Amino acid sequence: MIKPDIPDNENERIKALQDLNILDTLEEDAYDQLTLIASQICDVPIALVSLIDDNRQWFKSHHGLEARETPRDIAFCAHAINKPEEILMVEDATKDNRFHDNPLSTKAPNVIFYAGAPLNTSEGFCLGTLCVIGNKPKKLSNTQQTALKALANQVVAQLELRRKNLILIEKIKIVEQLNHDIDAFSYRLSHDMLTPMRGILSIIEFLKIDDADGISISLGEKIDQIKDRAKYGLALVQSTIEYARVSKANLVFSEFKLEDTANFVFANLANTDNVKLELINCEQIVITSKHAIQVVFQNLMTNSLKFNDKDTCIISISSKIENNRLFIDYKDNGPGINIKYANKIFEIFETLNPKSENSTGIGLATLKTVLNKLSGHIRLMHSEVGKGVHFNIDLPLEILKKNDE
């Protein structure tokens, strides 16, 4: 008997095998079906998916054989991995100097015929073979050899899929950890930053009330500036927390009316005495994320009130269906936005008025993020500065349902 040689790339080959985390795993139908087909095509009783480890060959699938592994020194497959470009075929082991006195040939399972197609990864590492075994001399036809190679490729495809799944699982774990970190970060922000900012605002109010007579106009202006910046910092932290929460949130779909959601958001806004809400053709029943639509309306309506420069703020929301999509038009009569900033306004921390404590540059970015989750879009439409803003939102029609359906 001649012991098999060790491949030149043995360390890298073993690592590639170990990275699959497949050794000593349970049987799987995907592999067992391939060995069954291999034994039938080649007309032999035994077919194996054999993987060569440091000191053994281990069978991921073992059709026609009870054993799950053998020592590497006596493995036929350990010879086969040294020639990964071809099938190793032993027509009669009794007449082959490498195997004539091999225990696998002289004793059970009495390997006389052997053919092993290499299992080569995309990186070029031969992990083992898909092999077929018989108890009498035999030779595979060209058609059988071609079929055996094809089945070996399917084994490799299963192994590659396993590796990709393992990588995906690890990435999911990383994302889950990042989500956990975001939650912890948000909590830390709310505890460590929101509380002192609110405290600063309270102290400023107490100072202005208690010492109003002794505060000069100049000092009063500086206190007002401090107050404005503190309010801006508070808004920035709150908006950042909301953006982080929306970015990672799972959207739950439900059935509701657009007009009901718009009215609900409007009713919960502050200072709506001089605000008028117009709803046009918003009776559609939609099946989508109610929370997401609330976020959209909340951000747009808040901006309309925040930047309103008219005696009465008029908000108009209309909807229509075209080309299998639902379009929502949102308009107000405020100062408007120059169309050249159509892309900038949706980027996080981008604001057209960086000196204002009212503008953090996060609200519209949050809105865009939640719409992306719905496979939707928002666009700033052409409008004249000073004559109000006009946004168009569109969502796939597949998630919608009309009243008459």
Protein backbone atom coordinates (compact mmCIF):
# COMPACT_ATOMS: atom_id res chain seq x y z
CA MET A 1 0.00 0.00 0.00
CA ILE A 2 1.20 3.50 -0.81
CA LYS A 3 0.15 6.31 1.50
CA PRO A 4 -1.27 9.43 -0.16
CA ASP A 5 0.88 12.54 -0.52
CA ILE A 6 0.01 15.79 1.25
CA PRO A 7 -1.07 18.58 -1.15
CA ASP A 8 1.23 21.60 -1.41
CA ASN A 9 -1.58 23.93 -0.32
CA GLU A 10 -2.64 21.72 2.59
CA ASN A 11 -2.85 24.47 5.24
CA GLU A 12 -5.02 26.68 3.06
CA ARG A 13 -7.10 23.68 1.95
CA ILE A 14 -7.78 22.61 5.54
CA LYS A 15 -8.73 26.17 6.49
CA ALA A 16 -11.19 26.36 3.57
CA LEU A 17 -12.76 23.11 4.77
CA GLN A 18 -12.95 24.26 8.39
CA ASP A 19 -14.51 27.58 7.36
CA LEU A 20 -17.50 25.63 6.04
CA ASN A 21 -18.20 24.33 9.55
CA ILE A 22 -19.56 21.17 7.95
CA LEU A 23 -17.47 18.40 9.51
CA ASP A 24 -19.43 16.12 11.86
CA THR A 25 -22.77 17.66 10.90
CA LEU A 26 -25.91 15.59 10.38
CA GLU A 27 -27.02 14.06 7.10
CA GLU A 28 -28.81 16.37 4.65
CA ASP A 29 -31.15 15.43 1.83
CA ALA A 30 -29.40 17.77 -0.62
CA TYR A 31 -26.22 15.64 -0.43
CA ASP A 32 -27.93 12.25 0.03
CA GLN A 33 -29.94 12.74 -3.17
CA LEU A 34 -26.73 13.40 -5.11
CA THR A 35 -25.01 10.24 -3.85
CA LEU A 36 -28.15 8.22 -4.63
CA ILE A 37 -28.16 9.52 -8.21
CA ALA A 38 -24.40 8.92 -8.54
CA SER A 39 -24.72 5.26 -7.48
CA GLN A 40 -27.58 4.70 -9.91
CA ILE A 41 -25.88 6.39 -12.87
CA CYS A 42 -22.61 4.55 -12.28
CA ASP A 43 -24.38 1.30 -11.36
CA VAL A 44 -22.48 0.73 -8.11
CA PRO A 45 -23.71 0.02 -4.54
CA ILE A 46 -21.79 2.78 -2.77
CA ALA A 47 -21.50 6.54 -3.32
CA LEU A 48 -19.96 9.02 -0.90
CA VAL A 49 -19.39 12.72 -0.40
CA SER A 50 -15.96 12.42 1.17
CA LEU A 51 -14.16 15.34 2.81
CA ILE A 52 -10.47 15.01 3.70
CA ASP A 53 -9.59 16.44 7.12
CA ASP A 54 -6.19 16.52 8.86
CA ASN A 55 -6.16 12.83 9.70
CA ARG A 56 -9.35 11.29 8.33
CA GLN A 57 -11.84 11.20 5.52
CA TRP A 58 -15.32 12.06 6.75
CA PHE A 59 -18.48 11.32 4.81
CA LYS A 60 -21.08 14.06 4.58
CA SER A 61 -23.23 11.56 2.70
CA HIS A 62 -22.68 7.78 2.74
CA HIS A 63 -25.08 5.96 0.44
CA GLY A 64 -24.67 2.18 0.76
CA LEU A 65 -22.14 2.39 3.59
CA GLU A 66 -22.66 2.50 7.37
CA ALA A 67 -19.29 4.03 8.25
CA ARG A 68 -19.06 7.82 8.69
CA GLU A 69 -15.27 8.11 8.44
CA THR A 70 -11.97 6.27 7.89
CA PRO A 71 -8.31 7.13 8.58
CA ARG A 72 -6.82 9.46 5.98
CA ASP A 73 -3.77 7.23 5.40
CA ILE A 74 -5.90 4.50 3.81
CA ALA A 75 -8.41 6.78 2.02
CA PHE A 76 -8.66 6.47 -1.75
CA CYS A 77 -9.99 10.03 -1.77
CA ALA A 78 -6.80 11.29 -0.10
CA HIS A 79 -5.01 10.27 -3.30
CA ALA A 80 -7.67 11.90 -5.48
CA ILE A 81 -7.27 15.39 -3.99
CA ASN A 82 -3.69 15.51 -5.28
CA LYS A 83 -5.01 15.63 -8.85
CA PRO A 84 -7.95 18.07 -8.56
CA GLU A 85 -8.22 18.50 -12.32
CA GLU A 86 -9.30 14.93 -13.08
CA ILE A 87 -11.31 11.94 -11.87
CA LEU A 88 -9.25 9.34 -10.06
CA MET A 89 -10.41 5.98 -11.39
CA VAL A 90 -9.18 2.66 -10.00
CA GLU A 91 -10.66 -0.10 -12.15
CA ASP A 92 -9.28 -2.99 -10.09
CA ALA A 93 -7.66 -2.24 -6.72
CA THR A 94 -6.22 -5.78 -6.50
CA LYS A 95 -3.93 -4.97 -9.43
CA ASP A 96 -2.99 -1.42 -8.29
CA ASN A 97 0.23 -1.08 -6.24
CA ARG A 98 -1.32 1.80 -4.28
CA PHE A 99 -4.31 -0.18 -3.05
CA HIS A 100 -3.87 -3.95 -3.51
CA ASP A 101 -3.20 -4.47 0.21
CA ASN A 102 -5.27 -1.54 1.47
CA PRO A 103 -7.51 -2.58 4.41
CA LEU A 104 -10.48 -1.00 2.66
CA SER A 105 -9.91 -3.43 -0.23
CA THR A 106 -8.91 -6.58 1.64
CA LYS A 107 -11.66 -6.18 4.25
CA ALA A 108 -15.10 -4.56 4.35
CA PRO A 109 -16.29 -2.63 2.45
CA ASN A 110 -14.11 -4.51 -0.12
CA VAL A 111 -13.30 -1.61 -2.41
CA ILE A 112 -12.28 -3.07 -5.76
CA PHE A 113 -13.57 -0.36 -8.08
CA TYR A 114 -13.28 3.33 -7.20
CA ALA A 115 -13.92 6.58 -9.08
CA GLY A 116 -13.66 9.95 -7.35
CA ALA A 117 -14.58 13.32 -8.90
CA PRO A 118 -12.81 16.17 -7.05
CA LEU A 119 -14.77 18.76 -5.08
CA ASN A 120 -12.97 21.98 -6.02
CA THR A 121 -14.00 25.29 -4.47
CA SER A 122 -14.11 28.52 -6.45
CA GLU A 123 -10.77 29.41 -4.81
CA GLY A 124 -9.20 26.24 -6.19
CA PHE A 125 -9.05 24.11 -3.02
CA CYS A 126 -9.90 20.43 -3.38
CA LEU A 127 -11.85 19.48 -0.25
CA GLY A 128 -12.55 15.88 -1.12
CA THR A 129 -14.50 13.91 -3.72
CA LEU A 130 -17.86 12.66 -4.81
CA CYS A 131 -16.87 9.03 -5.23
CA VAL A 132 -18.54 5.79 -6.34
CA ILE A 133 -17.39 2.36 -5.16
CA GLY A 134 -17.98 -1.21 -6.34
CA ASN A 135 -16.95 -4.67 -5.18
CA LYS A 136 -15.78 -5.91 -8.57
CA PRO A 137 -13.62 -4.51 -11.37
CA LYS A 138 -15.32 -1.82 -13.44
CA LYS A 139 -14.71 1.08 -15.80
CA LEU A 140 -16.94 4.13 -16.18
CA SER A 141 -18.04 5.16 -19.65
CA ASN A 142 -17.38 8.70 -20.84
CA THR A 143 -21.04 9.50 -20.24
CA GLN A 144 -20.88 8.22 -16.67
CA GLN A 145 -17.69 10.18 -15.99
CA THR A 146 -19.31 13.36 -17.33
CA ALA A 147 -22.36 12.77 -15.11
CA LEU A 148 -20.16 12.14 -12.06
CA LYS A 149 -18.32 15.42 -12.64
CA ALA A 150 -21.62 17.25 -13.02
CA LEU A 151 -22.89 15.80 -9.75
CA ALA A 152 -19.62 16.76 -8.06
CA ASN A 153 -20.19 20.33 -9.23
CA GLN A 154 -23.61 20.22 -7.57
CA VAL A 155 -22.00 19.09 -4.31
CA VAL A 156 -19.62 22.05 -4.53
CA ALA A 157 -22.58 24.36 -5.22
CA GLN A 158 -24.18 23.12 -2.00
CA LEU A 159 -20.94 23.72 -0.10
CA GLU A 160 -20.58 27.22 -1.57
CA LEU A 161 -24.19 27.99 -0.66
CA ARG A 162 -23.48 26.84 2.86
CA ARG A 163 -20.50 29.14 3.07
CA LYS A 164 -22.52 32.10 1.80
CA ASN A 165 -25.23 31.34 4.34
CA LEU A 166 -22.65 31.29 7.14
CA ILE A 167 -21.33 34.66 5.97
CA LEU A 168 -24.89 36.00 5.84
CA ILE A 169 -25.58 34.73 9.35
CA GLU A 170 -22.47 36.49 10.62
CA LYS A 171 -23.51 39.72 8.90
CA ILE A 172 -26.97 39.43 10.43
CA LYS A 173 -25.35 39.05 13.85
CA ILE A 174 -23.30 42.19 13.17
CA VAL A 175 -26.42 44.11 12.12
CA GLU A 176 -28.27 42.90 15.21
CA GLN A 177 -25.37 44.05 17.36
CA LEU A 178 -25.36 47.41 15.59
CA ASN A 179 -29.08 47.73 16.23
CA HIS A 180 -28.47 46.95 19.88
CA ASP A 181 -25.74 49.57 19.95
CA ILE A 182 -28.07 52.11 18.33
CA ASP A 183 -30.67 51.42 21.02
CA ALA A 184 -28.06 51.87 23.71
CA PHE A 185 -26.76 55.01 22.01
CA SER A 186 -30.27 56.45 21.74
CA TYR A 187 -30.93 55.76 25.40
CA ARG A 188 -27.62 57.35 26.36
CA LEU A 189 -28.44 60.40 24.27
CA SER A 190 -31.84 60.79 25.85
CA HIS A 191 -30.42 60.39 29.35
CA ASP A 192 -27.09 62.19 29.09
CA MET A 193 -27.99 64.99 26.68
CA LEU A 194 -31.71 65.63 26.69
CA THR A 195 -31.91 66.03 30.46
CA PRO A 196 -29.15 68.65 30.82
CA MET A 197 -30.41 70.55 27.76
CA ARG A 198 -33.87 70.75 29.26
CA GLY A 199 -32.21 71.85 32.48
CA ILE A 200 -30.38 74.67 30.70
CA LEU A 201 -33.63 75.90 29.20
CA SER A 202 -35.31 75.83 32.62
CA ILE A 203 -32.48 77.77 34.25
CA ILE A 204 -32.64 80.41 31.51
CA GLU A 205 -36.37 80.81 32.04
CA PHE A 206 -35.92 81.11 35.82
CA LEU A 207 -33.11 83.65 35.32
CA LYS A 208 -35.20 85.84 33.04
CA ILE A 209 -38.22 85.72 35.36
CA ASP A 210 -36.41 86.14 38.71
CA ASP A 211 -33.91 88.79 37.60
CA ALA A 212 -35.86 90.48 34.83
CA ASP A 213 -35.39 93.99 36.28
CA GLY A 214 -31.64 93.62 36.68
CA ILE A 215 -30.90 92.18 33.23
CA SER A 216 -29.67 94.66 30.65
CA ILE A 217 -30.88 94.59 27.08
CA SER A 218 -27.46 93.35 25.92
CA LEU A 219 -27.39 90.56 28.48
CA GLY A 220 -30.99 89.69 27.70
CA GLU A 221 -30.12 89.29 24.03
CA LYS A 222 -27.23 86.98 24.91
CA ILE A 223 -29.49 84.91 27.14
CA ASP A 224 -31.97 84.63 24.27
CA GLN A 225 -29.16 83.47 22.00
CA ILE A 226 -28.15 80.81 24.54
CA LYS A 227 -31.78 79.74 24.75
CA ASP A 228 -32.08 79.48 20.98
CA ARG A 229 -28.96 77.34 20.68
CA ALA A 230 -30.07 75.12 23.55
CA LYS A 231 -33.43 74.63 21.83
CA TYR A 232 -31.60 73.80 18.62
CA GLY A 233 -29.41 71.24 20.44
CA LEU A 234 -32.48 69.67 22.00
CA ALA A 235 -34.22 69.44 18.62
CA LEU A 236 -31.07 67.99 17.02
CA VAL A 237 -30.76 65.22 19.60
CA GLN A 238 -34.46 64.36 19.42
CA SER A 239 -34.38 64.29 15.60
CA THR A 240 -31.25 62.13 15.58
CA ILE A 241 -32.88 59.61 17.91
CA GLU A 242 -35.98 59.51 15.70
CA TYR A 243 -33.86 59.04 12.55
CA ALA A 244 -31.95 56.14 14.14
CA ARG A 245 -35.18 54.54 15.32
CA VAL A 246 -36.95 54.82 11.97
CA SER A 247 -33.87 53.63 10.04
CA LYS A 248 -33.82 50.26 11.77
CA ALA A 249 -37.51 49.79 12.54
CA ASN A 250 -39.47 46.89 11.07
CA LEU A 251 -42.54 48.24 9.29
CA VAL A 252 -45.87 46.61 10.18
CA PHE A 253 -48.50 46.74 7.43
CA SER A 254 -52.15 47.46 8.13
CA GLU A 255 -55.28 48.80 6.42
CA PHE A 256 -56.33 52.42 6.93
CA LYS A 257 -57.55 55.59 5.22
CA LEU A 258 -55.16 58.35 4.20
CA GLU A 259 -57.60 61.03 5.38
CA ASP A 260 -57.87 59.47 8.84
CA THR A 261 -54.10 59.44 9.27
CA ALA A 262 -53.73 63.01 7.98
CA ASN A 263 -56.45 64.25 10.34
CA PHE A 264 -54.91 62.37 13.27
CA VAL A 265 -51.47 63.92 12.67
CA PHE A 266 -52.95 67.38 12.18
CA ALA A 267 -55.00 67.13 15.38
CA ASN A 268 -51.86 66.38 17.37
CA LEU A 269 -49.84 69.31 16.06
CA ALA A 270 -49.18 72.29 18.31
CA ASN A 271 -50.51 75.77 17.49
CA THR A 272 -52.93 75.01 14.65
CA ASP A 273 -55.25 77.97 15.32
CA ASN A 274 -54.24 79.69 12.09
CA VAL A 275 -53.76 76.55 10.05
CA LYS A 276 -56.15 75.07 7.50
CA LEU A 277 -55.92 71.46 6.28
CA GLU A 278 -57.44 70.58 2.91
CA LEU A 279 -57.83 66.89 1.96
CA ILE A 280 -58.69 66.09 -1.65
CA ASN A 281 -59.49 62.55 -2.84
CA CYS A 282 -57.87 61.00 0.25
CA GLU A 283 -60.59 58.40 0.93
CA GLN A 284 -58.47 55.53 -0.43
CA ILE A 285 -58.00 52.58 1.86
CA VAL A 286 -54.30 51.74 1.80
CA ILE A 287 -52.50 48.64 2.96
CA THR A 288 -49.07 49.78 4.05
CA SER A 289 -47.26 50.96 7.18
CA LYS A 290 -49.52 53.34 9.06
CA HIS A 291 -46.64 54.45 11.24
CA ALA A 292 -44.54 55.27 8.17
CA ILE A 293 -47.28 57.44 6.66
CA GLN A 294 -47.68 59.17 10.02
CA VAL A 295 -43.96 59.95 10.01
CA VAL A 296 -44.29 61.40 6.51
CA PHE A 297 -47.26 63.63 7.34
CA GLN A 298 -45.80 64.58 10.73
CA ASN A 299 -42.55 65.84 9.22
CA LEU A 300 -44.17 67.69 6.33
CA MET A 301 -46.87 69.34 8.44
CA THR A 302 -44.38 70.29 11.15
CA ASN A 303 -42.19 71.98 8.54
CA SER A 304 -45.18 73.83 7.09
CA LEU A 305 -46.04 75.27 10.50
CA LYS A 306 -42.42 75.90 11.45
CA PHE A 307 -41.58 77.95 8.36
CA ASN A 308 -44.98 79.51 7.67
CA ASP A 309 -44.79 83.21 6.76
CA LYS A 310 -48.49 83.84 6.08
CA ASP A 311 -51.35 84.90 8.37
CA THR A 312 -53.01 81.58 7.68
CA CYS A 313 -51.02 78.45 6.89
CA ILE A 314 -52.83 76.35 4.28
CA ILE A 315 -51.85 72.69 3.89
CA SER A 316 -53.28 70.75 0.96
CA ILE A 317 -53.01 66.97 0.56
CA SER A 318 -54.41 65.25 -2.53
CA SER A 319 -53.99 61.81 -4.05
CA LYS A 320 -54.54 60.05 -7.37
CA ILE A 321 -53.68 56.79 -9.12
CA GLU A 322 -51.62 56.74 -12.31
CA ASN A 323 -49.57 54.02 -13.97
CA ASN A 324 -50.22 51.52 -11.18
CA ARG A 325 -48.90 53.80 -8.45
CA LEU A 326 -50.53 56.02 -5.85
CA PHE A 327 -49.37 59.64 -5.94
CA ILE A 328 -49.78 61.97 -2.97
CA ASP A 329 -49.33 65.69 -3.55
CA TYR A 330 -48.45 67.75 -0.50
CA LYS A 331 -48.58 71.56 -0.79
CA ASP A 332 -48.52 74.55 1.50
CA ASN A 333 -48.56 78.32 1.00
CA GLY A 334 -45.31 79.02 2.85
CA PRO A 335 -42.02 80.47 1.60
CA GLY A 336 -41.28 77.50 -0.67
CA ILE A 337 -37.93 75.91 -1.60
CA ASN A 338 -35.78 76.66 -4.63
CA ILE A 339 -35.84 73.62 -6.95
CA LYS A 340 -32.04 73.64 -7.16
CA TYR A 341 -32.01 72.25 -3.62
CA ALA A 342 -34.28 69.33 -4.58
CA ASN A 343 -31.67 66.70 -3.63
CA LYS A 344 -29.87 68.51 -0.83
CA ILE A 345 -32.90 68.84 1.44
CA PHE A 346 -33.29 65.05 1.78
CA GLU A 347 -29.71 64.44 2.99
CA ILE A 348 -29.23 64.06 6.72
CA PHE A 349 -27.91 67.19 8.51
CA GLU A 350 -28.38 69.25 5.35
CA THR A 351 -30.40 72.42 5.95
CA LEU A 352 -31.05 75.56 3.92
CA ASN A 353 -31.00 77.70 7.06
CA PRO A 354 -28.09 76.49 9.23
CA LYS A 355 -28.41 79.47 11.57
CA SER A 356 -31.98 78.64 12.57
CA GLU A 357 -32.72 76.66 15.72
CA ASN A 358 -35.82 75.37 13.92
CA SER A 359 -33.91 73.49 11.23
CA THR A 360 -31.82 70.41 12.11
CA GLY A 361 -31.65 68.92 8.60
CA ILE A 362 -32.89 65.54 9.85
CA GLY A 363 -36.68 65.58 9.40
CA LEU A 364 -36.79 65.20 5.61
CA ALA A 365 -33.97 62.64 5.73
CA THR A 366 -36.07 60.59 8.15
CA LEU A 367 -39.03 60.92 5.81
CA LYS A 368 -37.00 59.73 2.81
CA THR A 369 -35.64 56.76 4.79
CA VAL A 370 -39.06 55.51 5.80
CA LEU A 371 -40.40 55.90 2.24
CA ASN A 372 -37.46 53.90 0.86
CA LYS A 373 -38.51 51.07 3.17
CA LEU A 374 -41.89 51.10 1.41
CA SER A 375 -40.27 51.14 -2.06
CA GLY A 376 -41.62 54.65 -2.39
CA HIS A 377 -40.18 58.03 -3.31
CA ILE A 378 -40.56 61.70 -2.50
CA ARG A 379 -39.71 64.56 -4.84
CA LEU A 380 -39.67 68.31 -4.58
CA MET A 381 -41.75 69.53 -7.51
CA HIS A 382 -41.22 72.74 -9.45
CA SER A 383 -42.61 75.69 -7.52
CA GLU A 384 -41.88 79.37 -7.20
CA VAL A 385 -40.07 80.64 -4.13
CA GLY A 386 -42.52 82.56 -1.95
CA LYS A 387 -45.54 80.66 -3.28
CA GLY A 388 -45.38 77.53 -1.16
CA VAL A 389 -43.77 74.12 -1.30
CA HIS A 390 -44.93 71.15 -3.38
CA PHE A 391 -43.84 67.58 -2.64
CA ASN A 392 -44.92 64.52 -4.60
CA ILE A 393 -44.92 61.11 -2.91
CA ASP A 394 -45.53 57.87 -4.77
CA LEU A 395 -46.03 54.30 -3.56
CA PRO A 396 -46.51 51.01 -5.45
CA LEU A 397 -50.14 50.27 -6.32
CA GLU A 398 -49.69 46.63 -5.26
CA ILE A 399 -50.02 47.62 -1.60
CA LEU A 400 -53.21 49.60 -2.16
CA LYS A 401 -56.88 48.78 -2.11
CA LYS A 402 -59.75 50.93 -3.35
CA ASN A 403 -63.02 51.39 -1.47
CA ASP A 404 -65.02 49.57 -4.11
CA GLU A 405 -62.85 46.43 -4.12
